[in-house]
N, C-alpha and C. Protein backbone atom coordinates (compact mmCIF):
# COMPACT_ATOMS: atom_id res chain seq x y z
N MET A 1 165.23 133.42 -130.35
CA MET A 1 165.24 134.84 -130.66
C MET A 1 166.70 135.44 -130.52
N VAL A 2 166.73 136.46 -130.50
CA VAL A 2 168.15 137.08 -131.32
C VAL A 2 168.83 137.71 -129.97
N LYS A 3 170.00 137.54 -129.54
CA LYS A 3 170.88 137.83 -128.52
C LYS A 3 171.61 138.90 -128.81
N ILE A 4 171.12 140.28 -127.87
CA ILE A 4 172.34 141.63 -128.14
C ILE A 4 173.18 141.64 -127.82
N PRO A 5 174.69 141.67 -127.90
CA PRO A 5 175.59 141.92 -127.03
C PRO A 5 175.58 142.97 -126.03
N LYS A 6 175.86 143.05 -125.37
CA LYS A 6 175.35 143.81 -123.82
C LYS A 6 176.12 145.42 -124.22
N GLU A 7 177.48 145.12 -125.04
CA GLU A 7 178.33 146.53 -125.66
C GLU A 7 177.74 146.96 -126.07
N LEU A 8 176.97 146.59 -127.79
CA LEU A 8 175.83 147.38 -128.23
C LEU A 8 174.39 147.96 -127.85
N LEU A 9 173.84 146.86 -126.70
CA LEU A 9 173.14 147.72 -125.95
C LEU A 9 172.61 148.81 -125.02
N GLN A 10 174.56 148.70 -124.35
CA GLN A 10 174.97 150.14 -123.45
C GLN A 10 174.64 150.79 -124.75
N ALA A 11 175.72 151.00 -125.35
CA ALA A 11 176.14 151.66 -126.42
C ALA A 11 174.57 152.66 -127.22
N SER A 12 173.09 151.68 -127.29
CA SER A 12 172.16 152.52 -127.64
C SER A 12 171.13 152.67 -126.78
N MET A 13 171.44 152.32 -125.35
CA MET A 13 171.14 153.15 -124.52
C MET A 13 171.10 154.78 -124.37
N VAL A 14 172.51 155.41 -124.46
CA VAL A 14 173.28 156.20 -124.20
C VAL A 14 172.44 157.13 -125.23
N GLY A 15 172.34 156.84 -126.29
CA GLY A 15 171.86 157.29 -126.92
C GLY A 15 170.73 157.99 -127.12
N ILE A 16 170.13 156.75 -126.76
CA ILE A 16 168.35 156.65 -126.54
C ILE A 16 168.02 158.06 -125.14
N GLN A 17 169.11 158.36 -124.27
CA GLN A 17 168.84 158.81 -122.52
C GLN A 17 169.28 159.87 -123.22
N LEU A 18 170.27 160.36 -123.78
CA LEU A 18 170.58 161.54 -124.57
C LEU A 18 169.40 162.74 -125.05
N VAL A 19 168.68 161.68 -126.11
CA VAL A 19 167.63 161.74 -127.06
C VAL A 19 166.39 162.65 -125.10
N VAL A 20 166.22 161.20 -124.59
CA VAL A 20 164.87 161.22 -123.57
C VAL A 20 164.87 162.51 -122.68
N SER A 21 166.46 162.58 -122.09
CA SER A 21 166.99 164.11 -121.38
C SER A 21 166.53 165.20 -122.20
N THR A 22 166.42 165.26 -123.26
CA THR A 22 166.78 166.54 -123.87
C THR A 22 165.64 167.21 -124.11
N ILE A 23 164.53 165.65 -124.33
CA ILE A 23 162.89 166.21 -124.63
C ILE A 23 162.14 166.46 -123.18
N ILE A 24 162.75 165.61 -122.52
CA ILE A 24 162.03 166.08 -121.24
C ILE A 24 162.61 167.85 -120.82
N GLY A 25 163.46 168.03 -120.86
CA GLY A 25 164.08 169.01 -120.42
C GLY A 25 163.51 170.30 -121.05
N GLY A 26 163.03 169.98 -122.34
CA GLY A 26 162.46 170.86 -123.28
C GLY A 26 160.71 171.22 -122.44
N ALA A 27 160.34 169.91 -122.77
CA ALA A 27 158.84 169.60 -122.18
C ALA A 27 158.73 170.38 -120.38
N VAL A 28 159.71 170.43 -119.61
CA VAL A 28 159.15 170.62 -118.45
C VAL A 28 159.47 172.65 -118.41
N GLY A 29 160.34 172.99 -119.46
CA GLY A 29 160.53 174.16 -119.67
C GLY A 29 159.23 174.99 -120.50
N TYR A 30 159.04 174.37 -121.32
CA TYR A 30 157.59 175.00 -121.78
C TYR A 30 156.25 174.32 -120.86
N GLY A 31 156.24 173.48 -119.90
CA GLY A 31 154.72 173.74 -118.82
C GLY A 31 155.37 174.79 -118.37
N LEU A 32 157.03 174.92 -117.76
CA LEU A 32 156.68 176.17 -116.53
C LEU A 32 156.60 177.39 -117.07
N ASP A 33 156.89 177.84 -118.99
CA ASP A 33 156.71 178.79 -119.15
C ASP A 33 154.86 179.38 -118.95
N SER A 34 153.73 177.76 -120.02
CA SER A 34 152.45 178.21 -119.78
C SER A 34 152.03 178.24 -118.32
N ALA A 35 152.58 177.79 -117.86
CA ALA A 35 152.19 178.12 -116.16
C ALA A 35 152.58 179.43 -115.93
N MET A 36 153.54 179.79 -115.67
CA MET A 36 153.87 180.60 -115.78
C MET A 36 153.09 182.28 -116.41
N ASP A 37 152.90 182.02 -118.00
CA ASP A 37 151.37 183.05 -118.70
C ASP A 37 150.51 182.77 -117.48
N LYS A 38 149.82 181.69 -117.56
CA LYS A 38 147.95 181.02 -117.10
C LYS A 38 148.06 181.46 -116.07
N TRP A 39 148.79 181.16 -114.48
CA TRP A 39 148.96 181.41 -112.92
C TRP A 39 149.18 182.75 -113.08
N PHE A 40 150.04 183.27 -113.66
CA PHE A 40 150.60 184.56 -113.09
C PHE A 40 150.61 185.74 -113.72
N GLY A 41 150.18 185.35 -115.15
CA GLY A 41 150.19 186.69 -116.21
C GLY A 41 151.76 186.95 -117.34
N ILE A 42 152.45 186.49 -115.84
CA ILE A 42 154.10 187.13 -116.80
C ILE A 42 154.45 185.85 -117.97
N ARG A 43 154.47 186.25 -119.35
CA ARG A 43 155.07 185.58 -120.23
C ARG A 43 156.36 185.72 -120.47
N THR A 44 157.33 184.29 -119.96
CA THR A 44 158.09 184.18 -119.75
C THR A 44 158.91 183.15 -121.15
N PHE A 45 157.99 182.98 -122.79
CA PHE A 45 158.09 181.68 -122.93
C PHE A 45 159.75 181.66 -123.56
N PRO A 46 160.05 181.79 -124.14
CA PRO A 46 161.64 181.04 -124.78
C PRO A 46 162.76 181.27 -123.60
N VAL A 47 162.42 182.29 -122.23
CA VAL A 47 163.57 181.85 -121.85
C VAL A 47 163.60 180.64 -120.37
N LEU A 48 162.52 180.00 -119.94
CA LEU A 48 162.43 178.94 -119.35
C LEU A 48 162.48 177.79 -120.13
N PHE A 49 161.81 177.50 -121.25
CA PHE A 49 162.04 176.51 -122.24
C PHE A 49 163.56 176.07 -122.98
N LEU A 50 164.54 177.80 -123.02
CA LEU A 50 165.69 177.42 -123.15
C LEU A 50 166.68 176.84 -122.08
N ILE A 51 166.66 177.69 -120.67
CA ILE A 51 166.90 177.21 -119.79
C ILE A 51 167.38 175.43 -119.14
N PHE A 52 165.58 175.11 -119.50
CA PHE A 52 165.52 173.84 -118.86
C PHE A 52 166.05 172.60 -120.13
N LEU A 53 166.00 173.08 -121.67
CA LEU A 53 166.62 172.60 -122.49
C LEU A 53 167.66 172.60 -122.55
N ILE A 54 169.03 173.45 -122.09
CA ILE A 54 169.87 173.54 -121.98
C ILE A 54 170.76 172.67 -120.67
N LEU A 55 169.82 172.57 -120.05
CA LEU A 55 169.69 171.68 -118.66
C LEU A 55 169.70 169.85 -119.53
N GLY A 56 168.92 169.83 -120.13
CA GLY A 56 168.37 168.30 -120.32
C GLY A 56 169.89 168.12 -120.95
N ILE A 57 170.24 168.37 -122.10
CA ILE A 57 170.96 168.78 -122.65
C ILE A 57 172.62 167.93 -122.23
N VAL A 58 172.64 169.67 -120.72
CA VAL A 58 173.87 169.40 -120.34
C VAL A 58 174.19 167.76 -119.39
N ALA A 59 172.41 167.12 -118.81
CA ALA A 59 172.39 165.80 -117.98
C ALA A 59 173.26 164.58 -119.29
N GLY A 60 172.29 165.29 -120.55
CA GLY A 60 172.59 163.52 -121.24
C GLY A 60 173.92 163.15 -121.56
N PHE A 61 174.62 164.52 -122.17
CA PHE A 61 175.96 164.54 -122.02
C PHE A 61 176.91 163.87 -120.53
N ARG A 62 176.52 164.72 -119.77
CA ARG A 62 176.87 164.05 -118.62
C ARG A 62 176.65 162.09 -117.90
N GLU A 63 175.36 162.43 -118.51
CA GLU A 63 176.00 160.68 -118.49
C GLU A 63 176.33 159.98 -119.85
N LEU A 64 176.07 160.77 -120.60
CA LEU A 64 177.02 159.69 -121.64
C LEU A 64 178.76 159.68 -121.29
N PHE A 65 179.05 160.80 -120.11
CA PHE A 65 181.18 161.05 -120.26
C PHE A 65 181.11 159.94 -118.95
N ARG A 66 179.69 160.23 -118.23
CA ARG A 66 179.89 158.64 -116.84
C ARG A 66 180.12 157.43 -117.37
N ARG A 67 179.15 157.33 -118.30
CA ARG A 67 178.74 155.52 -118.93
C ARG A 67 180.76 155.97 -119.73
N ALA A 68 180.90 156.52 -120.43
CA ALA A 68 182.10 156.39 -121.01
C ALA A 68 183.12 156.39 -119.89
N THR A 69 183.45 156.77 -118.80
CA THR A 69 184.67 156.58 -117.88
C THR A 69 184.39 155.68 -116.88
N ARG A 70 182.92 155.39 -116.86
CA ARG A 70 183.20 153.54 -116.05
C ARG A 70 183.46 152.39 -117.40
N LYS A 71 182.96 152.61 -118.53
CA LYS A 71 183.51 151.33 -119.78
C LYS A 71 184.98 151.78 -119.67
N GLU A 72 185.82 152.48 -119.37
CA GLU A 72 187.22 152.70 -119.75
C GLU A 72 187.73 151.56 -118.23
N ASN A 73 187.05 153.17 -116.83
CA ASN A 73 187.70 151.96 -116.21
C ASN A 73 187.90 150.82 -116.11
N GLU A 74 186.28 150.19 -116.26
CA GLU A 74 186.47 149.07 -116.61
C GLU A 74 187.09 147.75 -117.48
N SER A 75 187.43 148.46 -118.85
CA SER A 75 188.17 148.13 -119.41
C SER A 75 190.10 148.08 -118.93
N GLY A 76 189.90 149.27 -117.98
CA GLY A 76 191.59 149.22 -117.56
C GLY A 76 191.49 148.30 -116.37
N LYS A 77 190.56 147.30 -115.72
CA LYS A 77 190.76 147.07 -114.80
C LYS A 77 190.87 145.37 -115.14
N LYS A 78 190.42 145.29 -116.52
CA LYS A 78 190.56 144.21 -116.93
C LYS A 78 192.13 143.34 -117.48
N ASP A 79 192.28 144.85 -118.07
CA ASP A 79 193.68 144.39 -118.58
C ASP A 79 195.06 144.32 -117.03
N LEU A 80 194.63 144.59 -116.60
CA LEU A 80 196.01 143.86 -114.73
C LEU A 80 195.68 142.86 -115.02
């Protein structure tokens, strides 16, 4: 069995999480747009989709920065 270094695994998870949060945000927005059209007859297609897509991208980058600062703080503590 191949052992993957912990840092490589964490770096790949950040990339995957960024993509997944973007896809989930877009899917939620698309679903809400479809629901608004089906239930209420209000066509909001690009609006909610774009809002939730942007929220998904922001959430992905937020997690990226959180992990980067956490890793930076851990490496700073090791140097002391």
